[in-house]
Amino acid sequence: MKSGRERIIFLVDMQSFYASVEKAAHPEFRDKPLIVAGDPARRSGIVLAACPIAKRYGVTTAERLGEAVRKCPEVIVIRPHMQEYINVSLQISGILERFSDLVEPYSIDEQFIDVTGTLPLFGRDPVEVALKIQAAIGRETGVYARVGIGPNKVLAKMACDNFAKKNQNGIFTLTHDNKRDQLWPLSIDKMFGVGSRMNRHLRRLGIHTIGQLATYPLERLKQIWGVNGHVLWMTANGYDYSPVTPTTYDTQKGIGHHMTLPRDYRTAEEIRVVLIGINIKICVHKTKKPLIAWKNSVFWAV
């Protein structure tokens, strides 16, 4: 399943990104448990990010803020500063672009980079280049990056999620040579693309590990899930031919905003006020365009 020169792809993931950005901005919190969540004064909202120190107390992402505080009463709670996180993410993109012109944001805290053609300029091997990327990001943003390395995006992603995040140096290489020993023994829910529902479906078929899925009859998977079954089989086998594409997100297809409410809003008037506020933030802060009119409680920008 190989064609031409094997690519060298990194998935660069930022550890506890929101919390790390806040700690970089507040050095006095460096050795303290910190989480980014809703309204600290009202103990509302959910945990968006927890630093490693807070996680040692059992704090987890997406749990209620009140529960997190009960687990770790001394935790420092900071409201999210989304624009600052976006700015740092863009700064990290700029750092990666020094190592290759092939950089593709995957999320606000994850980016793919293809160093196949530029590797000789920066190191003797992929791990050396990954260490240099880690050092540059840490030095310039204060954020610790983990790096998954693979011959394609899907292996790089699973290398990062399942191994690099647990390694002392935050780097791991997953290839077609070691996937049977490293990847295939993992539980099926550790595979990229398998959520809770698909996990249940696969286990009902007797598929409990990634290796069992990789060796499952492809035609049977296609009969059950069509093209999605084929994609699952390819992912388990570590096959992915999609390129790292810098222009993936150049065309914005939608904009939005969100907020965590301090309590449950039930009346139409309360909800209307919230919607108007969100629309104002979208029009002014996202589009950077002036408000000129409003219609049916929705603001429009030109």
C-alpha atoms as a PDB file:
ATOM      1  CA  MET A   1       0.000   0.000   0.000  1.00  0.00           C
ATOM      2  CA  LYS A   2       3.011   2.294  -0.351  1.00  0.00           C
ATOM      3  CA  SER A   3       3.644   4.530  -3.316  1.00  0.00           C
ATOM      4  CA  GLY A   4       6.720   6.659  -3.923  1.00  0.00           C
ATOM      5  CA  ARG A   5       8.682   8.146  -1.048  1.00  0.00           C
ATOM      6  CA  GLU A   6       7.031   7.629   2.310  1.00  0.00           C
ATOM      7  CA  ARG A   7       5.858  10.869   3.808  1.00  0.00           C
ATOM      8  CA  ILE A   8       6.805  12.212   7.232  1.00  0.00           C
ATOM      9  CA  ILE A   9       3.775  13.771   8.909  1.00  0.00           C
ATOM     10  CA  PHE A  10       3.580  15.304  12.377  1.00  0.00           C
ATOM     11  CA  LEU A  11       0.439  15.910  14.411  1.00  0.00           C
ATOM     12  CA  VAL A  12       1.389  18.648  16.858  1.00  0.00           C
ATOM     13  CA  ASP A  13      -0.963  18.808  19.835  1.00  0.00           C
ATOM     14  CA  MET A  14      -0.877  21.409  22.631  1.00  0.00           C
ATOM     15  CA  GLN A  15      -1.168  20.074  26.160  1.00  0.00           C
ATOM     16  CA  SER A  16      -4.195  21.479  28.056  1.00  0.00           C
ATOM     17  CA  PHE A  17      -4.155  24.338  25.574  1.00  0.00           C
ATOM     18  CA  TYR A  18      -6.478  26.905  27.173  1.00  0.00           C
ATOM     19  CA  ALA A  19      -5.040  26.270  30.626  1.00  0.00           C
ATOM     20  CA  SER A  20      -1.485  26.422  29.277  1.00  0.00           C
ATOM     21  CA  VAL A  21      -2.102  29.775  27.603  1.00  0.00           C
ATOM     22  CA  GLU A  22      -3.502  31.147  30.869  1.00  0.00           C
ATOM     23  CA  LYS A  23      -0.488  29.882  32.828  1.00  0.00           C
ATOM     24  CA  ALA A  24       1.863  31.452  30.310  1.00  0.00           C
ATOM     25  CA  ALA A  25       0.046  34.755  30.825  1.00  0.00           C
ATOM     26  CA  HIS A  26       0.093  34.330  34.627  1.00  0.00           C
ATOM     27  CA  PRO A  27       3.463  32.864  35.721  1.00  0.00           C
ATOM     28  CA  GLU A  28       2.361  33.112  39.342  1.00  0.00           C
ATOM     29  CA  PHE A  29      -0.029  30.210  38.662  1.00  0.00           C
ATOM     30  CA  ARG A  30       2.678  27.957  37.194  1.00  0.00           C
ATOM     31  CA  ASP A  31       2.769  25.480  40.108  1.00  0.00           C
ATOM     32  CA  LYS A  32      -0.907  25.713  41.025  1.00  0.00           C
ATOM     33  CA  PRO A  33      -3.941  23.711  39.828  1.00  0.00           C
ATOM     34  CA  LEU A  34      -5.789  25.761  37.215  1.00  0.00           C
ATOM     35  CA  ILE A  35      -8.846  25.226  35.064  1.00  0.00           C
ATOM     36  CA  VAL A  36     -10.604  27.271  32.402  1.00  0.00           C
ATOM     37  CA  ALA A  37     -14.359  27.187  32.871  1.00  0.00           C
ATOM     38  CA  GLY A  38     -17.554  29.233  33.053  1.00  0.00           C
ATOM     39  CA  ASP A  39     -18.318  31.903  35.630  1.00  0.00           C
ATOM     40  CA  PRO A  40     -16.082  31.354  38.683  1.00  0.00           C
ATOM     41  CA  ALA A  41     -18.149  33.707  40.850  1.00  0.00           C
ATOM     42  CA  ARG A  42     -21.316  31.658  40.296  1.00  0.00           C
ATOM     43  CA  ARG A  43     -19.629  28.248  40.016  1.00  0.00           C
ATOM     44  CA  SER A  44     -21.454  27.742  36.724  1.00  0.00           C
ATOM     45  CA  GLY A  45     -20.502  26.171  33.436  1.00  0.00           C
ATOM     46  CA  ILE A  46     -18.248  23.255  32.590  1.00  0.00           C
ATOM     47  CA  VAL A  47     -14.512  22.679  32.560  1.00  0.00           C
ATOM     48  CA  LEU A  48     -13.080  23.559  29.147  1.00  0.00           C
ATOM     49  CA  ALA A  49      -9.480  22.755  30.058  1.00  0.00           C
ATOM     50  CA  ALA A  50      -7.582  21.572  33.115  1.00  0.00           C
ATOM     51  CA  CYS A  51      -3.847  21.793  33.656  1.00  0.00           C
ATOM     52  CA  PRO A  52      -1.944  18.590  34.495  1.00  0.00           C
ATOM     53  CA  ILE A  53      -1.805  19.547  38.191  1.00  0.00           C
ATOM     54  CA  ALA A  54      -5.608  19.868  38.345  1.00  0.00           C
ATOM     55  CA  LYS A  55      -5.990  16.566  36.513  1.00  0.00           C
ATOM     56  CA  ARG A  56      -4.051  14.830  39.299  1.00  0.00           C
ATOM     57  CA  TYR A  57      -6.970  15.685  41.576  1.00  0.00           C
ATOM     58  CA  GLY A  58      -9.335  13.901  39.200  1.00  0.00           C
ATOM     59  CA  VAL A  59     -10.585  17.007  37.401  1.00  0.00           C
ATOM     60  CA  THR A  60     -11.661  16.186  33.860  1.00  0.00           C
ATOM     61  CA  THR A  61     -12.608  18.187  30.800  1.00  0.00           C
ATOM     62  CA  ALA A  62     -16.371  18.714  30.288  1.00  0.00           C
ATOM     63  CA  GLU A  63     -17.350  18.049  33.895  1.00  0.00           C
ATOM     64  CA  ARG A  64     -19.376  20.613  35.815  1.00  0.00           C
ATOM     65  CA  LEU A  65     -17.375  23.387  37.424  1.00  0.00           C
ATOM     66  CA  GLY A  66     -18.925  22.709  40.831  1.00  0.00           C
ATOM     67  CA  GLU A  67     -17.766  19.088  40.719  1.00  0.00           C
ATOM     68  CA  ALA A  68     -14.248  20.150  39.768  1.00  0.00           C
ATOM     69  CA  VAL A  69     -14.073  22.583  42.677  1.00  0.00           C
ATOM     70  CA  ARG A  70     -15.237  19.884  45.090  1.00  0.00           C
ATOM     71  CA  LYS A  71     -12.427  17.622  43.901  1.00  0.00           C
ATOM     72  CA  CYS A  72      -9.834  20.386  44.163  1.00  0.00           C
ATOM     73  CA  PRO A  73     -11.019  23.231  46.453  1.00  0.00           C
ATOM     74  CA  GLU A  74      -7.804  25.236  45.915  1.00  0.00           C
ATOM     75  CA  VAL A  75      -8.112  25.203  42.129  1.00  0.00           C
ATOM     76  CA  ILE A  76      -7.783  28.514  40.304  1.00  0.00           C
ATOM     77  CA  VAL A  77     -10.712  29.059  37.941  1.00  0.00           C
ATOM     78  CA  ILE A  78     -10.309  31.403  34.975  1.00  0.00           C
ATOM     79  CA  ARG A  79     -12.992  32.358  32.495  1.00  0.00           C
ATOM     80  CA  PRO A  80     -12.115  31.584  28.861  1.00  0.00           C
ATOM     81  CA  HIS A  81     -10.403  34.198  26.693  1.00  0.00           C
ATOM     82  CA  MET A  82     -11.125  32.724  23.283  1.00  0.00           C
ATOM     83  CA  GLN A  83      -9.543  35.472  21.214  1.00  0.00           C
ATOM     84  CA  GLU A  84      -6.261  35.015  23.064  1.00  0.00           C
ATOM     85  CA  TYR A  85      -6.354  31.257  22.418  1.00  0.00           C
ATOM     86  CA  ILE A  86      -6.949  31.927  18.731  1.00  0.00           C
ATOM     87  CA  ASN A  87      -4.034  34.368  18.668  1.00  0.00           C
ATOM     88  CA  VAL A  88      -1.685  31.816  20.243  1.00  0.00           C
ATOM     89  CA  SER A  89      -2.914  29.116  17.851  1.00  0.00           C
ATOM     90  CA  LEU A  90      -2.081  31.383  14.922  1.00  0.00           C
ATOM     91  CA  GLN A  91       1.303  32.097  16.483  1.00  0.00           C
ATOM     92  CA  ILE A  92       1.957  28.351  16.648  1.00  0.00           C
ATOM     93  CA  SER A  93       0.966  28.042  12.983  1.00  0.00           C
ATOM     94  CA  GLY A  94       3.619  30.637  12.203  1.00  0.00           C
ATOM     95  CA  ILE A  95       6.225  28.665  14.128  1.00  0.00           C
ATOM     96  CA  LEU A  96       5.376  25.472  12.253  1.00  0.00           C
ATOM     97  CA  GLU A  97       5.551  27.292   8.923  1.00  0.00           C
ATOM     98  CA  ARG A  98       9.251  27.911   9.572  1.00  0.00           C
ATOM     99  CA  PHE A  99       9.750  24.154   9.295  1.00  0.00           C
ATOM    100  CA  SER A 100       7.493  23.510   6.285  1.00  0.00           C
ATOM    101  CA  ASP A 101       5.039  25.301   4.047  1.00  0.00           C
ATOM    102  CA  LEU A 102       2.664  22.341   4.452  1.00  0.00           C
ATOM    103  CA  VAL A 103       0.815  23.117   7.690  1.00  0.00           C
ATOM    104  CA  GLU A 104      -2.849  22.222   8.182  1.00  0.00           C
ATOM    105  CA  PRO A 105      -4.776  23.266  11.306  1.00  0.00           C
ATOM    106  CA  TYR A 106      -6.904  20.380  12.566  1.00  0.00           C
ATOM    107  CA  SER A 107      -8.376  22.210  15.552  1.00  0.00           C
ATOM    108  CA  ILE A 108      -7.451  25.208  17.667  1.00  0.00           C
ATOM    109  CA  ASP A 109      -4.850  23.118  19.520  1.00  0.00           C
ATOM    110  CA  GLU A 110      -3.822  20.538  16.892  1.00  0.00           C
ATOM    111  CA  GLN A 111      -2.025  21.014  13.592  1.00  0.00           C
ATOM    112  CA  PHE A 112      -0.623  18.692  10.949  1.00  0.00           C
ATOM    113  CA  ILE A 113       2.721  19.456   9.339  1.00  0.00           C
ATOM    114  CA  ASP A 114       4.362  17.589   6.467  1.00  0.00           C
ATOM    115  CA  VAL A 115       8.157  17.752   6.777  1.00  0.00           C
ATOM    116  CA  THR A 116       8.934  15.205   4.067  1.00  0.00           C
ATOM    117  CA  GLY A 117      10.674  17.720   1.822  1.00  0.00           C
ATOM    118  CA  THR A 118      12.241  19.924   4.499  1.00  0.00           C
ATOM    119  CA  LEU A 119      13.538  17.339   6.967  1.00  0.00           C
ATOM    120  CA  PRO A 120      17.204  17.570   5.798  1.00  0.00           C
ATOM    121  CA  LEU A 121      17.169  21.307   6.530  1.00  0.00           C
ATOM    122  CA  PHE A 122      16.342  20.896  10.214  1.00  0.00           C
ATOM    123  CA  GLY A 123      17.618  17.578  11.493  1.00  0.00           C
ATOM    124  CA  ARG A 124      19.007  14.132  10.923  1.00  0.00           C
ATOM    125  CA  ASP A 125      15.711  12.390  11.666  1.00  0.00           C
ATOM    126  CA  PRO A 126      12.045  13.221  12.421  1.00  0.00           C
ATOM    127  CA  VAL A 127      12.484  13.038  16.209  1.00  0.00           C
ATOM    128  CA  GLU A 128      15.216  15.687  16.129  1.00  0.00           C
ATOM    129  CA  VAL A 129      12.946  18.006  14.135  1.00  0.00           C
ATOM    130  CA  ALA A 130      10.035  17.311  16.498  1.00  0.00           C
ATOM    131  CA  LEU A 131      12.228  18.281  19.459  1.00  0.00           C
ATOM    132  CA  LYS A 132      13.122  21.552  17.739  1.00  0.00           C
ATOM    133  CA  ILE A 133       9.446  22.284  17.103  1.00  0.00           C
ATOM    134  CA  GLN A 134       8.619  21.519  20.737  1.00  0.00           C
ATOM    135  CA  ALA A 135      11.388  23.834  21.923  1.00  0.00           C
ATOM    136  CA  ALA A 136      10.339  26.702  19.646  1.00  0.00           C
ATOM    137  CA  ILE A 137       6.675  26.498  20.679  1.00  0.00           C
ATOM    138  CA  GLY A 138       7.555  26.265  24.365  1.00  0.00           C
ATOM    139  CA  ARG A 139      10.032  29.112  24.208  1.00  0.00           C
ATOM    140  CA  GLU A 140       7.768  31.508  22.293  1.00  0.00           C
ATOM    141  CA  THR A 141       4.328  30.689  23.690  1.00  0.00           C
ATOM    142  CA  GLY A 142       4.905  28.891  26.988  1.00  0.00           C
ATOM    143  CA  VAL A 143       2.798  25.974  25.740  1.00  0.00           C
ATOM    144  CA  TYR A 144       4.030  22.376  25.783  1.00  0.00           C
ATOM    145  CA  ALA A 145       3.470  20.490  22.523  1.00  0.00           C
ATOM    146  CA  ARG A 146       3.249  16.738  22.004  1.00  0.00           C
ATOM    147  CA  VAL A 147       4.132  15.328  18.571  1.00  0.00           C
ATOM    148  CA  GLY A 148       2.837  12.197  16.888  1.00  0.00           C
ATOM    149  CA  ILE A 149       4.903  11.097  13.891  1.00  0.00           C
ATOM    150  CA  GLY A 150       3.724   8.847  11.081  1.00  0.00           C
ATOM    151  CA  PRO A 151       3.791   8.253   7.320  1.00  0.00           C
ATOM    152  CA  ASN A 152       0.295   9.748   7.049  1.00  0.00           C
ATOM    153  CA  LYS A 153      -2.139  11.871   9.000  1.00  0.00           C
ATOM    154  CA  VAL A 154      -4.155   9.083  10.588  1.00  0.00           C
ATOM    155  CA  LEU A 155      -1.099   7.295  11.997  1.00  0.00           C
ATOM    156  CA  ALA A 156       0.382  10.591  13.187  1.00  0.00           C
ATOM    157  CA  LYS A 157      -2.897  11.404  14.944  1.00  0.00           C
ATOM    158  CA  MET A 158      -3.120   8.028  16.682  1.00  0.00           C
ATOM    159  CA  ALA A 159       0.577   8.188  17.561  1.00  0.00           C
ATOM    160  CA  CYS A 160      -0.034  11.475  19.339  1.00  0.00           C
ATOM    161  CA  ASP A 161      -3.310  10.583  21.062  1.00  0.00           C
ATOM    162  CA  ASN A 162      -2.317   7.152  22.316  1.00  0.00           C
ATOM    163  CA  PHE A 163       1.427   7.338  22.859  1.00  0.00           C
ATOM    164  CA  ALA A 164       3.073  10.776  22.605  1.00  0.00           C
ATOM    165  CA  LYS A 165       0.788  12.219  25.292  1.00  0.00           C
ATOM    166  CA  LYS A 166       2.033   9.539  27.693  1.00  0.00           C
ATOM    167  CA  ASN A 167       5.717   9.599  26.746  1.00  0.00           C
ATOM    168  CA  GLN A 168       8.206  11.483  28.866  1.00  0.00           C
ATOM    169  CA  ASN A 169       9.480  13.452  25.876  1.00  0.00           C
ATOM    170  CA  GLY A 170       6.025  13.875  24.323  1.00  0.00           C
ATOM    171  CA  ILE A 171       7.033  12.300  21.002  1.00  0.00           C
ATOM    172  CA  PHE A 172       6.126   8.968  19.425  1.00  0.00           C
ATOM    173  CA  THR A 173       6.493   7.451  15.971  1.00  0.00           C
ATOM    174  CA  LEU A 174       3.875   5.047  14.600  1.00  0.00           C
ATOM    175  CA  THR A 175       4.639   3.272  11.332  1.00  0.00           C
ATOM    176  CA  HIS A 176       3.459   0.340   9.279  1.00  0.00           C
ATOM    177  CA  ASP A 177       6.344  -1.626  10.756  1.00  0.00           C
ATOM    178  CA  ASN A 178       5.354  -1.200  14.399  1.00  0.00           C
ATOM    179  CA  LYS A 179       1.584  -0.775  14.153  1.00  0.00           C
ATOM    180  CA  ARG A 180       0.923  -4.465  14.838  1.00  0.00           C
ATOM    181  CA  ASP A 181       2.870  -4.363  18.093  1.00  0.00           C
ATOM    182  CA  GLN A 182       1.917  -0.865  19.228  1.00  0.00           C
ATOM    183  CA  LEU A 183      -1.458   0.061  17.726  1.00  0.00           C
ATOM    184  CA  TRP A 184      -3.353  -3.148  17.150  1.00  0.00           C
ATOM    185  CA  PRO A 185      -3.455  -4.350  20.785  1.00  0.00           C
ATOM    186  CA  LEU A 186      -5.241  -1.134  21.847  1.00  0.00           C
ATOM    187  CA  SER A 187      -8.928  -1.138  22.743  1.00  0.00           C
ATOM    188  CA  ILE A 188     -11.139  -0.283  19.774  1.00  0.00           C
ATOM    189  CA  ASP A 189     -12.338   2.949  21.403  1.00  0.00           C
ATOM    190  CA  LYS A 190      -8.746   4.247  21.169  1.00  0.00           C
ATOM    191  CA  MET A 191      -8.932   4.317  17.385  1.00  0.00           C
ATOM    192  CA  PHE A 192      -9.366   7.623  15.615  1.00  0.00           C
ATOM    193  CA  GLY A 193     -12.916   7.925  14.297  1.00  0.00           C
ATOM    194  CA  VAL A 194     -14.533   5.552  16.789  1.00  0.00           C
ATOM    195  CA  GLY A 195     -16.953   7.321  19.111  1.00  0.00           C
ATOM    196  CA  SER A 196     -19.099   5.845  21.859  1.00  0.00           C
ATOM    197  CA  ARG A 197     -21.856   4.687  19.510  1.00  0.00           C
ATOM    198  CA  MET A 198     -19.535   3.050  16.987  1.00  0.00           C
ATOM    199  CA  ASN A 199     -17.639   1.490  19.881  1.00  0.00           C
ATOM    200  CA  ARG A 200     -20.836  -0.258  20.965  1.00  0.00           C
ATOM    201  CA  HIS A 201     -21.612  -1.410  17.414  1.00  0.00           C
ATOM    202  CA  LEU A 202     -18.142  -2.836  16.889  1.00  0.00           C
ATOM    203  CA  ARG A 203     -18.111  -4.643  20.211  1.00  0.00           C
ATOM    204  CA  ARG A 204     -21.434  -6.265  19.336  1.00  0.00           C
ATOM    205  CA  LEU A 205     -19.638  -7.715  16.307  1.00  0.00           C
ATOM    206  CA  GLY A 206     -16.971  -9.130  18.607  1.00  0.00           C
ATOM    207  CA  ILE A 207     -14.434  -6.457  17.642  1.00  0.00           C
ATOM    208  CA  HIS A 208     -12.710  -5.292  20.822  1.00  0.00           C
ATOM    209  CA  THR A 209      -9.274  -4.220  19.597  1.00  0.00           C
ATOM    210  CA  ILE A 210      -7.942  -2.187  16.696  1.00  0.00           C
ATOM    211  CA  GLY A 211      -6.162  -5.277  15.417  1.00  0.00           C
ATOM    212  CA  GLN A 212      -9.403  -7.253  15.309  1.00  0.00           C
ATOM    213  CA  LEU A 213     -10.950  -4.515  13.180  1.00  0.00           C
ATOM    214  CA  ALA A 214      -7.884  -4.376  10.921  1.00  0.00           C
ATOM    215  CA  THR A 215      -8.170  -8.096  10.173  1.00  0.00           C
ATOM    216  CA  TYR A 216     -11.978  -8.203   9.960  1.00  0.00           C
ATOM    217  CA  PRO A 217     -13.367  -9.055   6.496  1.00  0.00           C
ATOM    218  CA  LEU A 218     -13.572  -5.777   4.590  1.00  0.00           C
ATOM    219  CA  GLU A 219     -16.568  -6.811   2.505  1.00  0.00           C
ATOM    220  CA  ARG A 220     -18.552  -7.552   5.662  1.00  0.00           C
ATOM    221  CA  LEU A 221     -17.799  -4.084   7.048  1.00  0.00           C
ATOM    222  CA  LYS A 222     -18.848  -2.511   3.745  1.00  0.00           C
ATOM    223  CA  GLN A 223     -22.103  -4.487   3.806  1.00  0.00           C
ATOM    224  CA  ILE A 224     -22.905  -3.096   7.248  1.00  0.00           C
ATOM    225  CA  TRP A 225     -21.711   0.521   6.965  1.00  0.00           C
ATOM    226  CA  GLY A 226     -20.932   1.086   3.291  1.00  0.00           C
ATOM    227  CA  VAL A 227     -18.102   3.536   2.653  1.00  0.00           C
ATOM    228  CA  ASN A 228     -17.829   4.247   6.388  1.00  0.00           C
ATOM    229  CA  GLY A 229     -17.009   0.581   6.952  1.00  0.00           C
ATOM    230  CA  HIS A 230     -14.210   0.873   4.415  1.00  0.00           C
ATOM    231  CA  VAL A 231     -12.867   3.984   6.144  1.00  0.00           C
ATOM    232  CA  LEU A 232     -12.892   2.209   9.519  1.00  0.00           C
ATOM    233  CA  TRP A 233     -10.944  -0.711   8.057  1.00  0.00           C
ATOM    234  CA  MET A 234      -8.400   1.623   6.421  1.00  0.00           C
ATOM    235  CA  THR A 235      -7.909   3.572   9.651  1.00  0.00           C
ATOM    236  CA  ALA A 236      -7.319   0.384  11.647  1.00  0.00           C
ATOM    237  CA  ASN A 237      -4.721  -0.646   9.069  1.00  0.00           C
ATOM    238  CA  GLY A 238      -3.100   2.791   9.109  1.00  0.00           C
ATOM    239  CA  TYR A 239      -3.916   3.694   5.498  1.00  0.00           C
ATOM    240  CA  ASP A 240      -4.577   7.349   4.691  1.00  0.00           C
ATOM    241  CA  TYR A 241      -3.739   9.078   1.400  1.00  0.00           C
ATOM    242  CA  SER A 242      -5.082  12.552   2.201  1.00  0.00           C
ATOM    243  CA  PRO A 243      -2.424  15.269   1.866  1.00  0.00           C
ATOM    244  CA  VAL A 244      -1.584  17.928   4.425  1.00  0.00           C
ATOM    245  CA  THR A 245      -3.481  20.845   2.902  1.00  0.00           C
ATOM    246  CA  PRO A 246      -2.684  24.385   4.117  1.00  0.00           C
ATOM    247  CA  THR A 247      -5.753  25.869   2.384  1.00  0.00           C
ATOM    248  CA  THR A 248      -8.274  23.562   4.071  1.00  0.00           C
ATOM    249  CA  TYR A 249      -9.750  26.360   6.204  1.00  0.00           C
ATOM    250  CA  ASP A 250      -9.074  29.343   3.965  1.00  0.00           C
ATOM    251  CA  THR A 251     -12.736  29.621   3.013  1.00  0.00           C
ATOM    252  CA  GLN A 252     -14.872  30.332   6.060  1.00  0.00           C
ATOM    253  CA  LYS A 253     -18.202  28.568   5.718  1.00  0.00           C
ATOM    254  CA  GLY A 254     -19.734  29.744   8.954  1.00  0.00           C
ATOM    255  CA  ILE A 255     -19.141  31.884  12.003  1.00  0.00           C
ATOM    256  CA  GLY A 256     -20.492  31.613  15.496  1.00  0.00           C
ATOM    257  CA  HIS A 257     -20.142  32.428  19.158  1.00  0.00           C
ATOM    258  CA  HIS A 258     -21.124  30.792  22.410  1.00  0.00           C
ATOM    259  CA  MET A 259     -21.451  31.522  26.095  1.00  0.00           C
ATOM    260  CA  THR A 260     -22.038  29.585  29.306  1.00  0.00           C
ATOM    261  CA  LEU A 261     -25.155  30.838  31.082  1.00  0.00           C
ATOM    262  CA  PRO A 262     -25.058  31.355  34.860  1.00  0.00           C
ATOM    263  CA  ARG A 263     -28.352  29.475  35.257  1.00  0.00           C
ATOM    264  CA  ASP A 264     -31.111  27.829  33.244  1.00  0.00           C
ATOM    265  CA  TYR A 265     -33.017  30.362  31.139  1.00  0.00           C
ATOM    266  CA  ARG A 266     -36.617  29.347  30.562  1.00  0.00           C
ATOM    267  CA  THR A 267     -38.697  32.312  29.387  1.00  0.00           C
ATOM    268  CA  ALA A 268     -38.820  33.527  25.792  1.00  0.00           C
ATOM    269  CA  GLU A 269     -37.721  37.021  26.826  1.00  0.00           C
ATOM    270  CA  GLU A 270     -34.658  35.746  28.678  1.00  0.00           C
ATOM    271  CA  ILE A 271     -33.635  33.607  25.725  1.00  0.00           C
ATOM    272  CA  ARG A 272     -34.253  36.509  23.324  1.00  0.00           C
ATOM    273  CA  VAL A 273     -31.831  38.709  25.285  1.00  0.00           C
ATOM    274  CA  VAL A 274     -29.162  36.009  25.150  1.00  0.00           C
ATOM    275  CA  LEU A 275     -29.631  35.510  21.397  1.00  0.00           C
ATOM    276  CA  ILE A 276     -29.349  39.240  20.754  1.00  0.00           C
ATOM    277  CA  GLY A 277     -26.155  39.375  22.783  1.00  0.00           C
ATOM    278  CA  ILE A 278     -24.644  36.477  20.877  1.00  0.00           C
ATOM    279  CA  ASN A 279     -25.620  38.023  17.550  1.00  0.00           C
ATOM    280  CA  ILE A 280     -23.951  41.279  18.525  1.00  0.00           C
ATOM    281  CA  LYS A 281     -20.749  39.418  19.359  1.00  0.00           C
ATOM    282  CA  ILE A 282     -20.851  37.551  16.057  1.00  0.00           C
ATOM    283  CA  CYS A 283     -21.439  40.676  13.971  1.00  0.00           C
ATOM    284  CA  VAL A 284     -19.001  42.974  15.715  1.00  0.00           C
ATOM    285  CA  HIS A 285     -16.252  40.664  16.928  1.00  0.00           C
ATOM    286  CA  LYS A 286     -16.308  37.935  14.287  1.00  0.00           C
ATOM    287  CA  THR A 287     -17.142  39.756  11.048  1.00  0.00           C
ATOM    288  CA  LYS A 288     -15.558  43.062  12.122  1.00  0.00           C
ATOM    289  CA  LYS A 289     -18.449  44.790  10.371  1.00  0.00           C
ATOM    290  CA  PRO A 290     -20.743  47.494  11.786  1.00  0.00           C
ATOM    291  CA  LEU A 291     -24.302  46.792  12.822  1.00  0.00           C
ATOM    292  CA  ILE A 292     -26.829  48.616  10.670  1.00  0.00           C
ATOM    293  CA  ALA A 293     -30.210  47.147  11.521  1.00  0.00           C
ATOM    294  CA  TRP A 294     -32.001  44.412  13.335  1.00  0.00           C
ATOM    295  CA  LYS A 295     -34.924  42.319  12.266  1.00  0.00           C
ATOM    296  CA  ASN A 296     -36.920  39.854  14.345  1.00  0.00           C
ATOM    297  CA  SER A 297     -34.358  40.117  17.155  1.00  0.00           C
ATOM    298  CA  VAL A 298     -31.484  39.207  14.841  1.00  0.00           C
ATOM    299  CA  PHE A 299     -28.760  41.712  13.975  1.00  0.00           C
ATOM    300  CA  TRP A 300     -27.375  41.905  10.487  1.00  0.00           C
ATOM    301  CA  ALA A 301     -23.971  43.184   9.420  1.00  0.00           C
ATOM    302  CA  VAL A 302     -22.847  44.555   6.072  1.00  0.00           C
END
